[in-house]
Each structure stands twice: as structure tokens, then as C-alpha cells.
mmCIF file of all heavy atoms, coordinates in Angstrom:
data_MODEL
# 
_entry.id   MODEL 
# 
loop_
_atom_site.group_PDB 
_atom_site.id 
_atom_site.type_symbol 
_atom_site.label_atom_id 
_atom_site.label_alt_id 
_atom_site.label_comp_id 
_atom_site.label_asym_id 
_atom_site.label_entity_id 
_atom_site.label_seq_id 
_atom_site.pdbx_PDB_ins_code 
_atom_site.Cartn_x 
_atom_site.Cartn_y 
_atom_site.Cartn_z 
_atom_site.occupancy 
_atom_site.B_iso_or_equiv 
_atom_site.pdbx_formal_charge 
_atom_site.auth_seq_id 
_atom_site.auth_comp_id 
_atom_site.auth_asym_id 
_atom_site.auth_atom_id 
_atom_site.pdbx_PDB_model_num 
ATOM 1   N N   . HIS A 1 1  ? -77.303 -110.896 -2.787  1.00 0.00 ? 1  HIS A N   1 
ATOM 2   C CA  . HIS A 1 1  ? -76.168 -110.868 -3.784  1.00 0.00 ? 1  HIS A CA  1 
ATOM 3   C C   . HIS A 1 1  ? -74.839 -111.327 -2.975  1.00 0.00 ? 1  HIS A C   1 
ATOM 4   O O   . HIS A 1 1  ? -74.577 -110.981 -1.936  1.00 0.00 ? 1  HIS A O   1 
ATOM 5   C CB  . HIS A 1 1  ? -75.884 -109.505 -4.389  1.00 0.00 ? 1  HIS A CB  1 
ATOM 6   C CG  . HIS A 1 1  ? -77.109 -109.043 -5.134  1.00 0.00 ? 1  HIS A CG  1 
ATOM 7   N ND1 . HIS A 1 1  ? -77.434 -109.597 -6.327  1.00 0.00 ? 1  HIS A ND1 1 
ATOM 8   C CD2 . HIS A 1 1  ? -78.140 -108.170 -4.844  1.00 0.00 ? 1  HIS A CD2 1 
ATOM 9   C CE1 . HIS A 1 1  ? -78.553 -108.991 -6.800  1.00 0.00 ? 1  HIS A CE1 1 
ATOM 10  N NE2 . HIS A 1 1  ? -78.987 -108.112 -5.840  1.00 0.00 ? 1  HIS A NE2 1 
ATOM 11  N N   . LEU A 1 2  ? -74.091 -112.039 -3.692  1.00 0.00 ? 2  LEU A N   1 
ATOM 12  C CA  . LEU A 1 2  ? -72.802 -112.419 -3.252  1.00 0.00 ? 2  LEU A CA  1 
ATOM 13  C C   . LEU A 1 2  ? -71.636 -111.835 -3.883  1.00 0.00 ? 2  LEU A C   1 
ATOM 14  O O   . LEU A 1 2  ? -71.684 -111.691 -5.186  1.00 0.00 ? 2  LEU A O   1 
ATOM 15  C CB  . LEU A 1 2  ? -72.726 -114.037 -3.376  1.00 0.00 ? 2  LEU A CB  1 
ATOM 16  C CG  . LEU A 1 2  ? -73.687 -114.886 -2.593  1.00 0.00 ? 2  LEU A CG  1 
ATOM 17  C CD1 . LEU A 1 2  ? -73.649 -116.332 -3.227  1.00 0.00 ? 2  LEU A CD1 1 
ATOM 18  C CD2 . LEU A 1 2  ? -73.291 -114.912 -1.179  1.00 0.00 ? 2  LEU A CD2 1 
ATOM 19  N N   . ASN A 1 3  ? -70.593 -111.545 -3.117  1.00 0.00 ? 3  ASN A N   1 
ATOM 20  C CA  . ASN A 1 3  ? -69.376 -111.065 -3.703  1.00 0.00 ? 3  ASN A CA  1 
ATOM 21  C C   . ASN A 1 3  ? -68.887 -112.132 -4.637  1.00 0.00 ? 3  ASN A C   1 
ATOM 22  O O   . ASN A 1 3  ? -68.277 -111.874 -5.638  1.00 0.00 ? 3  ASN A O   1 
ATOM 23  C CB  . ASN A 1 3  ? -68.328 -110.745 -2.642  1.00 0.00 ? 3  ASN A CB  1 
ATOM 24  C CG  . ASN A 1 3  ? -68.601 -109.479 -1.890  1.00 0.00 ? 3  ASN A CG  1 
ATOM 25  O OD1 . ASN A 1 3  ? -69.294 -108.531 -2.455  1.00 0.00 ? 3  ASN A OD1 1 
ATOM 26  N ND2 . ASN A 1 3  ? -68.160 -109.446 -0.724  1.00 0.00 ? 3  ASN A ND2 1 
ATOM 27  N N   . ALA A 1 4  ? -69.159 -113.334 -4.290  1.00 0.00 ? 4  ALA A N   1 
ATOM 28  C CA  . ALA A 1 4  ? -68.694 -114.476 -5.075  1.00 0.00 ? 4  ALA A CA  1 
ATOM 29  C C   . ALA A 1 4  ? -69.163 -114.434 -6.504  1.00 0.00 ? 4  ALA A C   1 
ATOM 30  O O   . ALA A 1 4  ? -68.480 -114.759 -7.441  1.00 0.00 ? 4  ALA A O   1 
ATOM 31  C CB  . ALA A 1 4  ? -69.036 -115.801 -4.353  1.00 0.00 ? 4  ALA A CB  1 
ATOM 32  N N   . ASP A 1 5  ? -70.381 -114.031 -6.681  1.00 0.00 ? 5  ASP A N   1 
ATOM 33  C CA  . ASP A 1 5  ? -71.028 -113.952 -8.035  1.00 0.00 ? 5  ASP A CA  1 
ATOM 34  C C   . ASP A 1 5  ? -70.230 -113.014 -8.860  1.00 0.00 ? 5  ASP A C   1 
ATOM 35  O O   . ASP A 1 5  ? -69.919 -113.183 -10.022 1.00 0.00 ? 5  ASP A O   1 
ATOM 36  C CB  . ASP A 1 5  ? -72.497 -113.623 -8.054  1.00 0.00 ? 5  ASP A CB  1 
ATOM 37  C CG  . ASP A 1 5  ? -73.288 -114.724 -7.382  1.00 0.00 ? 5  ASP A CG  1 
ATOM 38  O OD1 . ASP A 1 5  ? -73.043 -115.821 -7.468  1.00 0.00 ? 5  ASP A OD1 1 
ATOM 39  O OD2 . ASP A 1 5  ? -74.263 -114.303 -6.492  1.00 0.00 ? 5  ASP A OD2 1 
ATOM 40  N N   . HIS A 1 6  ? -69.915 -111.751 -8.241  1.00 0.00 ? 6  HIS A N   1 
ATOM 41  C CA  . HIS A 1 6  ? -69.217 -110.825 -8.966  1.00 0.00 ? 6  HIS A CA  1 
ATOM 42  C C   . HIS A 1 6  ? -67.812 -111.203 -9.322  1.00 0.00 ? 6  HIS A C   1 
ATOM 43  O O   . HIS A 1 6  ? -67.395 -111.065 -10.529 1.00 0.00 ? 6  HIS A O   1 
ATOM 44  C CB  . HIS A 1 6  ? -69.083 -109.518 -8.131  1.00 0.00 ? 6  HIS A CB  1 
ATOM 45  C CG  . HIS A 1 6  ? -68.133 -108.591 -8.660  1.00 0.00 ? 6  HIS A CG  1 
ATOM 46  N ND1 . HIS A 1 6  ? -68.485 -107.731 -9.774  1.00 0.00 ? 6  HIS A ND1 1 
ATOM 47  C CD2 . HIS A 1 6  ? -66.942 -108.142 -8.381  1.00 0.00 ? 6  HIS A CD2 1 
ATOM 48  C CE1 . HIS A 1 6  ? -67.507 -106.993 -10.088 1.00 0.00 ? 6  HIS A CE1 1 
ATOM 49  N NE2 . HIS A 1 6  ? -66.546 -107.201 -9.303  1.00 0.00 ? 6  HIS A NE2 1 
ATOM 50  N N   . ILE A 1 7  ? -67.158 -111.889 -8.404  1.00 0.00 ? 7  ILE A N   1 
ATOM 51  C CA  . ILE A 1 7  ? -65.792 -112.368 -8.575  1.00 0.00 ? 7  ILE A CA  1 
ATOM 52  C C   . ILE A 1 7  ? -65.760 -113.414 -9.783  1.00 0.00 ? 7  ILE A C   1 
ATOM 53  O O   . ILE A 1 7  ? -65.039 -113.365 -10.719 1.00 0.00 ? 7  ILE A O   1 
ATOM 54  C CB  . ILE A 1 7  ? -65.097 -112.960 -7.391  1.00 0.00 ? 7  ILE A CB  1 
ATOM 55  C CG1 . ILE A 1 7  ? -64.917 -111.807 -6.353  1.00 0.00 ? 7  ILE A CG1 1 
ATOM 56  C CG2 . ILE A 1 7  ? -63.872 -113.593 -7.649  1.00 0.00 ? 7  ILE A CG2 1 
ATOM 57  C CD1 . ILE A 1 7  ? -64.545 -112.187 -4.993  1.00 0.00 ? 7  ILE A CD1 1 
ATOM 58  N N   . ALA A 1 8  ? -66.747 -114.294 -9.702  1.00 0.00 ? 8  ALA A N   1 
ATOM 59  C CA  . ALA A 1 8  ? -66.900 -115.457 -10.706 1.00 0.00 ? 8  ALA A CA  1 
ATOM 60  C C   . ALA A 1 8  ? -67.009 -114.885 -12.111 1.00 0.00 ? 8  ALA A C   1 
ATOM 61  O O   . ALA A 1 8  ? -66.554 -115.348 -13.091 1.00 0.00 ? 8  ALA A O   1 
ATOM 62  C CB  . ALA A 1 8  ? -67.918 -116.460 -10.296 1.00 0.00 ? 8  ALA A CB  1 
ATOM 63  N N   . LEU A 1 9  ? -67.856 -113.724 -12.196 1.00 0.00 ? 9  LEU A N   1 
ATOM 64  C CA  . LEU A 1 9  ? -68.208 -113.148 -13.568 1.00 0.00 ? 9  LEU A CA  1 
ATOM 65  C C   . LEU A 1 9  ? -67.074 -112.316 -14.006 1.00 0.00 ? 9  LEU A C   1 
ATOM 66  O O   . LEU A 1 9  ? -67.061 -111.953 -15.218 1.00 0.00 ? 9  LEU A O   1 
ATOM 67  C CB  . LEU A 1 9  ? -69.434 -112.371 -13.386 1.00 0.00 ? 9  LEU A CB  1 
ATOM 68  C CG  . LEU A 1 9  ? -70.721 -113.135 -13.265 1.00 0.00 ? 9  LEU A CG  1 
ATOM 69  C CD1 . LEU A 1 9  ? -71.880 -112.102 -12.879 1.00 0.00 ? 9  LEU A CD1 1 
ATOM 70  C CD2 . LEU A 1 9  ? -70.991 -113.962 -14.344 1.00 0.00 ? 9  LEU A CD2 1 
ATOM 71  N N   . ASN A 1 10 ? -65.953 -112.000 -13.209 1.00 0.00 ? 10 ASN A N   1 
ATOM 72  C CA  . ASN A 1 10 ? -64.844 -111.255 -13.630 1.00 0.00 ? 10 ASN A CA  1 
ATOM 73  C C   . ASN A 1 10 ? -63.482 -112.115 -13.522 1.00 0.00 ? 10 ASN A C   1 
ATOM 74  O O   . ASN A 1 10 ? -62.481 -111.544 -13.188 1.00 0.00 ? 10 ASN A O   1 
ATOM 75  C CB  . ASN A 1 10 ? -64.831 -110.000 -12.809 1.00 0.00 ? 10 ASN A CB  1 
ATOM 76  C CG  . ASN A 1 10 ? -66.003 -109.115 -13.149 1.00 0.00 ? 10 ASN A CG  1 
ATOM 77  O OD1 . ASN A 1 10 ? -65.876 -108.463 -14.213 1.00 0.00 ? 10 ASN A OD1 1 
ATOM 78  N ND2 . ASN A 1 10 ? -66.997 -109.098 -12.436 1.00 0.00 ? 10 ASN A ND2 1 
ATOM 79  N N   . GLY A 1 11 ? -63.625 -113.410 -13.769 1.00 0.00 ? 11 GLY A N   1 
ATOM 80  C CA  . GLY A 1 11 ? -62.480 -114.281 -13.739 1.00 0.00 ? 11 GLY A CA  1 
ATOM 81  C C   . GLY A 1 11 ? -61.557 -114.046 -14.804 1.00 0.00 ? 11 GLY A C   1 
ATOM 82  O O   . GLY A 1 11 ? -61.710 -113.253 -15.797 1.00 0.00 ? 11 GLY A O   1 
ATOM 83  N N   . PRO A 1 12 ? -60.339 -114.793 -14.868 1.00 0.00 ? 12 PRO A N   1 
ATOM 84  C CA  . PRO A 1 12 ? -59.380 -114.401 -15.827 1.00 0.00 ? 12 PRO A CA  1 
ATOM 85  C C   . PRO A 1 12 ? -59.762 -114.647 -17.303 1.00 0.00 ? 12 PRO A C   1 
ATOM 86  O O   . PRO A 1 12 ? -59.311 -113.887 -18.127 1.00 0.00 ? 12 PRO A O   1 
ATOM 87  C CB  . PRO A 1 12 ? -58.276 -115.554 -15.484 1.00 0.00 ? 12 PRO A CB  1 
ATOM 88  C CG  . PRO A 1 12 ? -58.656 -116.028 -14.170 1.00 0.00 ? 12 PRO A CG  1 
ATOM 89  C CD  . PRO A 1 12 ? -59.973 -115.713 -13.793 1.00 0.00 ? 12 PRO A CD  1 
ATOM 90  N N   . ASP A 1 13 ? -60.571 -115.627 -17.499 1.00 0.00 ? 13 ASP A N   1 
ATOM 91  C CA  . ASP A 1 13 ? -61.024 -115.847 -18.956 1.00 0.00 ? 13 ASP A CA  1 
ATOM 92  C C   . ASP A 1 13 ? -61.772 -114.552 -19.493 1.00 0.00 ? 13 ASP A C   1 
ATOM 93  O O   . ASP A 1 13 ? -61.622 -114.118 -20.620 1.00 0.00 ? 13 ASP A O   1 
ATOM 94  C CB  . ASP A 1 13 ? -61.884 -117.086 -19.075 1.00 0.00 ? 13 ASP A CB  1 
ATOM 95  C CG  . ASP A 1 13 ? -63.061 -117.139 -18.115 1.00 0.00 ? 13 ASP A CG  1 
ATOM 96  O OD1 . ASP A 1 13 ? -63.049 -116.499 -17.008 1.00 0.00 ? 13 ASP A OD1 1 
ATOM 97  O OD2 . ASP A 1 13 ? -64.081 -117.859 -18.392 1.00 0.00 ? 13 ASP A OD2 1 
ATOM 98  N N   . TYR A 1 14 ? -62.720 -114.019 -18.562 1.00 0.00 ? 14 TYR A N   1 
ATOM 99  C CA  . TYR A 1 14 ? -63.400 -112.822 -18.980 1.00 0.00 ? 14 TYR A CA  1 
ATOM 100 C C   . TYR A 1 14 ? -62.365 -111.642 -19.212 1.00 0.00 ? 14 TYR A C   1 
ATOM 101 O O   . TYR A 1 14 ? -62.465 -110.913 -20.148 1.00 0.00 ? 14 TYR A O   1 
ATOM 102 C CB  . TYR A 1 14 ? -64.337 -112.321 -17.862 1.00 0.00 ? 14 TYR A CB  1 
ATOM 103 C CG  . TYR A 1 14 ? -64.925 -111.017 -18.056 1.00 0.00 ? 14 TYR A CG  1 
ATOM 104 C CD1 . TYR A 1 14 ? -65.913 -110.657 -19.103 1.00 0.00 ? 14 TYR A CD1 1 
ATOM 105 C CD2 . TYR A 1 14 ? -64.380 -109.906 -17.406 1.00 0.00 ? 14 TYR A CD2 1 
ATOM 106 C CE1 . TYR A 1 14 ? -66.347 -109.477 -19.250 1.00 0.00 ? 14 TYR A CE1 1 
ATOM 107 C CE2 . TYR A 1 14 ? -64.828 -108.638 -17.632 1.00 0.00 ? 14 TYR A CE2 1 
ATOM 108 C CZ  . TYR A 1 14 ? -65.860 -108.410 -18.646 1.00 0.00 ? 14 TYR A CZ  1 
ATOM 109 O OH  . TYR A 1 14 ? -66.288 -107.128 -18.760 1.00 0.00 ? 14 TYR A OH  1 
ATOM 110 N N   . VAL A 1 15 ? -61.460 -111.467 -18.282 1.00 0.00 ? 15 VAL A N   1 
ATOM 111 C CA  . VAL A 1 15 ? -60.592 -110.350 -18.300 1.00 0.00 ? 15 VAL A CA  1 
ATOM 112 C C   . VAL A 1 15 ? -59.660 -110.402 -19.634 1.00 0.00 ? 15 VAL A C   1 
ATOM 113 O O   . VAL A 1 15 ? -59.518 -109.434 -20.327 1.00 0.00 ? 15 VAL A O   1 
ATOM 114 C CB  . VAL A 1 15 ? -59.598 -110.356 -17.166 1.00 0.00 ? 15 VAL A CB  1 
ATOM 115 C CG1 . VAL A 1 15 ? -58.529 -109.314 -17.272 1.00 0.00 ? 15 VAL A CG1 1 
ATOM 116 C CG2 . VAL A 1 15 ? -60.376 -109.978 -15.875 1.00 0.00 ? 15 VAL A CG2 1 
ATOM 117 N N   . LEU A 1 16 ? -59.278 -111.646 -19.974 1.00 0.00 ? 16 LEU A N   1 
ATOM 118 C CA  . LEU A 1 16 ? -58.478 -111.774 -21.229 1.00 0.00 ? 16 LEU A CA  1 
ATOM 119 C C   . LEU A 1 16 ? -59.294 -111.419 -22.475 1.00 0.00 ? 16 LEU A C   1 
ATOM 120 O O   . LEU A 1 16 ? -58.833 -110.845 -23.439 1.00 0.00 ? 16 LEU A O   1 
ATOM 121 C CB  . LEU A 1 16 ? -57.897 -113.237 -21.203 1.00 0.00 ? 16 LEU A CB  1 
ATOM 122 C CG  . LEU A 1 16 ? -56.796 -113.510 -20.261 1.00 0.00 ? 16 LEU A CG  1 
ATOM 123 C CD1 . LEU A 1 16 ? -56.452 -115.018 -20.192 1.00 0.00 ? 16 LEU A CD1 1 
ATOM 124 C CD2 . LEU A 1 16 ? -55.524 -112.589 -20.454 1.00 0.00 ? 16 LEU A CD2 1 
ATOM 125 N N   . ARG A 1 17 ? -60.660 -111.907 -22.424 1.00 0.00 ? 17 ARG A N   1 
ATOM 126 C CA  . ARG A 1 17 ? -61.445 -111.546 -23.568 1.00 0.00 ? 17 ARG A CA  1 
ATOM 127 C C   . ARG A 1 17 ? -61.751 -110.091 -23.640 1.00 0.00 ? 17 ARG A C   1 
ATOM 128 O O   . ARG A 1 17 ? -61.599 -109.500 -24.766 1.00 0.00 ? 17 ARG A O   1 
ATOM 129 C CB  . ARG A 1 17 ? -62.792 -112.257 -23.563 1.00 0.00 ? 17 ARG A CB  1 
ATOM 130 C CG  . ARG A 1 17 ? -62.766 -113.771 -23.763 1.00 0.00 ? 17 ARG A CG  1 
ATOM 131 C CD  . ARG A 1 17 ? -64.168 -114.408 -23.885 1.00 0.00 ? 17 ARG A CD  1 
ATOM 132 N NE  . ARG A 1 17 ? -65.103 -113.948 -22.846 1.00 0.00 ? 17 ARG A NE  1 
ATOM 133 C CZ  . ARG A 1 17 ? -65.271 -114.712 -21.753 1.00 0.00 ? 17 ARG A CZ  1 
ATOM 134 N NH1 . ARG A 1 17 ? -64.546 -115.775 -21.476 1.00 0.00 ? 17 ARG A NH1 1 
ATOM 135 N NH2 . ARG A 1 17 ? -66.139 -114.251 -20.794 1.00 0.00 ? 17 ARG A NH2 1 
ATOM 136 N N   . ARG A 1 18 ? -61.846 -109.424 -22.483 1.00 0.00 ? 18 ARG A N   1 
ATOM 137 C CA  . ARG A 1 18 ? -62.042 -107.964 -22.493 1.00 0.00 ? 18 ARG A CA  1 
ATOM 138 C C   . ARG A 1 18 ? -60.815 -107.266 -23.007 1.00 0.00 ? 18 ARG A C   1 
ATOM 139 O O   . ARG A 1 18 ? -60.948 -106.278 -23.775 1.00 0.00 ? 18 ARG A O   1 
ATOM 140 C CB  . ARG A 1 18 ? -62.380 -107.476 -20.969 1.00 0.00 ? 18 ARG A CB  1 
ATOM 141 C CG  . ARG A 1 18 ? -62.727 -106.109 -20.970 1.00 0.00 ? 18 ARG A CG  1 
ATOM 142 C CD  . ARG A 1 18 ? -64.045 -105.788 -21.626 1.00 0.00 ? 18 ARG A CD  1 
ATOM 143 N NE  . ARG A 1 18 ? -63.885 -104.512 -22.294 1.00 0.00 ? 18 ARG A NE  1 
ATOM 144 C CZ  . ARG A 1 18 ? -64.809 -103.801 -22.798 1.00 0.00 ? 18 ARG A CZ  1 
ATOM 145 N NH1 . ARG A 1 18 ? -66.133 -104.172 -22.674 1.00 0.00 ? 18 ARG A NH1 1 
ATOM 146 N NH2 . ARG A 1 18 ? -64.718 -102.575 -23.349 1.00 0.00 ? 18 ARG A NH2 1 
ATOM 147 N N   . CYS A 1 19 ? -59.614 -107.653 -22.627 1.00 0.00 ? 19 CYS A N   1 
ATOM 148 C CA  . CYS A 1 19 ? -58.361 -107.058 -23.014 1.00 0.00 ? 19 CYS A CA  1 
ATOM 149 C C   . CYS A 1 19 ? -58.210 -107.145 -24.574 1.00 0.00 ? 19 CYS A C   1 
ATOM 150 O O   . CYS A 1 19 ? -57.865 -106.216 -25.239 1.00 0.00 ? 19 CYS A O   1 
ATOM 151 C CB  . CYS A 1 19 ? -57.206 -107.783 -22.327 1.00 0.00 ? 19 CYS A CB  1 
ATOM 152 S SG  . CYS A 1 19 ? -57.024 -107.316 -20.572 1.00 0.00 ? 19 CYS A SG  1 
ATOM 153 N N   . ALA A 1 20 ? -58.547 -108.337 -25.046 1.00 0.00 ? 20 ALA A N   1 
ATOM 154 C CA  . ALA A 1 20 ? -58.469 -108.519 -26.552 1.00 0.00 ? 20 ALA A CA  1 
ATOM 155 C C   . ALA A 1 20 ? -59.439 -107.570 -27.289 1.00 0.00 ? 20 ALA A C   1 
ATOM 156 O O   . ALA A 1 20 ? -59.099 -106.965 -28.283 1.00 0.00 ? 20 ALA A O   1 
ATOM 157 C CB  . ALA A 1 20 ? -58.714 -109.973 -26.915 1.00 0.00 ? 20 ALA A CB  1 
ATOM 158 N N   . ALA A 1 21 ? -60.668 -107.456 -26.746 1.00 0.00 ? 21 ALA A N   1 
ATOM 159 C CA  . ALA A 1 21 ? -61.629 -106.519 -27.317 1.00 0.00 ? 21 ALA A CA  1 
ATOM 160 C C   . ALA A 1 21 ? -61.301 -105.085 -27.291 1.00 0.00 ? 21 ALA A C   1 
ATOM 161 O O   . ALA A 1 21 ? -61.323 -104.304 -28.260 1.00 0.00 ? 21 ALA A O   1 
ATOM 162 C CB  . ALA A 1 21 ? -63.019 -106.760 -26.717 1.00 0.00 ? 21 ALA A CB  1 
ATOM 163 N N   . ASP A 1 22 ? -60.636 -104.769 -26.127 1.00 0.00 ? 22 ASP A N   1 
ATOM 164 C CA  . ASP A 1 22 ? -60.177 -103.272 -26.023 1.00 0.00 ? 22 ASP A CA  1 
ATOM 165 C C   . ASP A 1 22 ? -59.026 -102.973 -26.968 1.00 0.00 ? 22 ASP A C   1 
ATOM 166 O O   . ASP A 1 22 ? -58.910 -101.851 -27.517 1.00 0.00 ? 22 ASP A O   1 
ATOM 167 C CB  . ASP A 1 22 ? -59.782 -102.996 -24.599 1.00 0.00 ? 22 ASP A CB  1 
ATOM 168 C CG  . ASP A 1 22 ? -61.031 -102.991 -23.624 1.00 0.00 ? 22 ASP A CG  1 
ATOM 169 O OD1 . ASP A 1 22 ? -62.212 -102.932 -24.193 1.00 0.00 ? 22 ASP A OD1 1 
ATOM 170 O OD2 . ASP A 1 22 ? -60.857 -102.993 -22.413 1.00 0.00 ? 22 ASP A OD2 1 
ATOM 171 N N   . ARG A 1 23 ? -58.106 -103.944 -27.216 1.00 0.00 ? 23 ARG A N   1 
ATOM 172 C CA  . ARG A 1 23 ? -57.112 -103.727 -28.258 1.00 0.00 ? 23 ARG A CA  1 
ATOM 173 C C   . ARG A 1 23 ? -57.607 -103.485 -29.558 1.00 0.00 ? 23 ARG A C   1 
ATOM 174 O O   . ARG A 1 23 ? -57.110 -102.796 -30.330 1.00 0.00 ? 23 ARG A O   1 
ATOM 175 C CB  . ARG A 1 23 ? -56.162 -104.957 -28.190 1.00 0.00 ? 23 ARG A CB  1 
ATOM 176 C CG  . ARG A 1 23 ? -55.177 -104.905 -27.046 1.00 0.00 ? 23 ARG A CG  1 
ATOM 177 C CD  . ARG A 1 23 ? -53.880 -105.550 -27.484 1.00 0.00 ? 23 ARG A CD  1 
ATOM 178 N NE  . ARG A 1 23 ? -52.879 -105.384 -26.451 1.00 0.00 ? 23 ARG A NE  1 
ATOM 179 C CZ  . ARG A 1 23 ? -52.743 -106.139 -25.359 1.00 0.00 ? 23 ARG A CZ  1 
ATOM 180 N NH1 . ARG A 1 23 ? -53.520 -107.282 -25.132 1.00 0.00 ? 23 ARG A NH1 1 
ATOM 181 N NH2 . ARG A 1 23 ? -51.897 -105.878 -24.362 1.00 0.00 ? 23 ARG A NH2 1 
ATOM 182 N N   . LYS A 1 24 ? -58.757 -104.298 -29.894 1.00 0.00 ? 24 LYS A N   1 
ATOM 183 C CA  . LYS A 1 24 ? -59.463 -104.019 -31.182 1.00 0.00 ? 24 LYS A CA  1 
ATOM 184 C C   . LYS A 1 24 ? -59.978 -102.660 -31.230 1.00 0.00 ? 24 LYS A C   1 
ATOM 185 O O   . LYS A 1 24 ? -59.926 -102.028 -32.433 1.00 0.00 ? 24 LYS A O   1 
ATOM 186 C CB  . LYS A 1 24 ? -60.467 -105.076 -31.401 1.00 0.00 ? 24 LYS A CB  1 
ATOM 187 C CG  . LYS A 1 24 ? -59.936 -106.491 -31.629 1.00 0.00 ? 24 LYS A CG  1 
ATOM 188 C CD  . LYS A 1 24 ? -61.091 -107.543 -31.785 1.00 0.00 ? 24 LYS A CD  1 
ATOM 189 C CE  . LYS A 1 24 ? -60.563 -108.896 -31.870 1.00 0.00 ? 24 LYS A CE  1 
ATOM 190 N NZ  . LYS A 1 24 ? -61.654 -109.872 -31.939 1.00 0.00 ? 24 LYS A NZ  1 
ATOM 191 N N   . ILE A 1 25 ? -60.518 -102.139 -30.197 1.00 0.00 ? 25 ILE A N   1 
ATOM 192 C CA  . ILE A 1 25 ? -61.024 -100.750 -30.208 1.00 0.00 ? 25 ILE A CA  1 
ATOM 193 C C   . ILE A 1 25 ? -59.822 -99.719  -30.414 1.00 0.00 ? 25 ILE A C   1 
ATOM 194 O O   . ILE A 1 25 ? -59.970 -98.835  -31.242 1.00 0.00 ? 25 ILE A O   1 
ATOM 195 C CB  . ILE A 1 25 ? -61.740 -100.508 -28.858 1.00 0.00 ? 25 ILE A CB  1 
ATOM 196 C CG1 . ILE A 1 25 ? -62.995 -101.269 -28.745 1.00 0.00 ? 25 ILE A CG1 1 
ATOM 197 C CG2 . ILE A 1 25 ? -62.092 -98.981  -28.755 1.00 0.00 ? 25 ILE A CG2 1 
ATOM 198 C CD1 . ILE A 1 25 ? -63.716 -101.208 -27.404 1.00 0.00 ? 25 ILE A CD1 1 
ATOM 199 N N   . LEU A 1 26 ? -58.772 -100.007 -29.797 1.00 0.00 ? 26 LEU A N   1 
ATOM 200 C CA  . LEU A 1 26 ? -57.585 -99.119  -29.961 1.00 0.00 ? 26 LEU A CA  1 
ATOM 201 C C   . LEU A 1 26 ? -57.145 -99.090  -31.408 1.00 0.00 ? 26 LEU A C   1 
ATOM 202 O O   . LEU A 1 26 ? -56.907 -98.140  -32.046 1.00 0.00 ? 26 LEU A O   1 
ATOM 203 C CB  . LEU A 1 26 ? -56.392 -99.478  -29.027 1.00 0.00 ? 26 LEU A CB  1 
ATOM 204 C CG  . LEU A 1 26 ? -56.425 -99.107  -27.626 1.00 0.00 ? 26 LEU A CG  1 
ATOM 205 C CD1 . LEU A 1 26 ? -55.228 -99.650  -26.830 1.00 0.00 ? 26 LEU A CD1 1 
ATOM 206 C CD2 . LEU A 1 26 ? -56.392 -97.534  -27.491 1.00 0.00 ? 26 LEU A CD2 1 
ATOM 207 N N   . ALA A 1 27 ? -57.050 -100.320 -31.986 1.00 0.00 ? 27 ALA A N   1 
ATOM 208 C CA  . ALA A 1 27 ? -56.672 -100.413 -33.372 1.00 0.00 ? 27 ALA A CA  1 
ATOM 209 C C   . ALA A 1 27 ? -57.600 -99.839  -34.341 1.00 0.00 ? 27 ALA A C   1 
ATOM 210 O O   . ALA A 1 27 ? -57.209 -99.170  -35.376 1.00 0.00 ? 27 ALA A O   1 
ATOM 211 C CB  . ALA A 1 27 ? -56.421 -101.979 -33.706 1.00 0.00 ? 27 ALA A CB  1 
# 
């Protein structure tokens, strides 16, 4: 396993999608 794989899967595009989803949960 590579740390690179984990980092790539948690890039900015993923984080922004996750933040938007979490705001929907709060709402």
C-alpha cells in the first residue's frame, strides 16, 4: 500500500464534496 494512494483518494475535490454533503446532513 502506498501513502500516495491514500492522499490521492483524499484530494481537494473529495474534501469539497464531503463538506457539501456534511452541510446537507446538518441542514
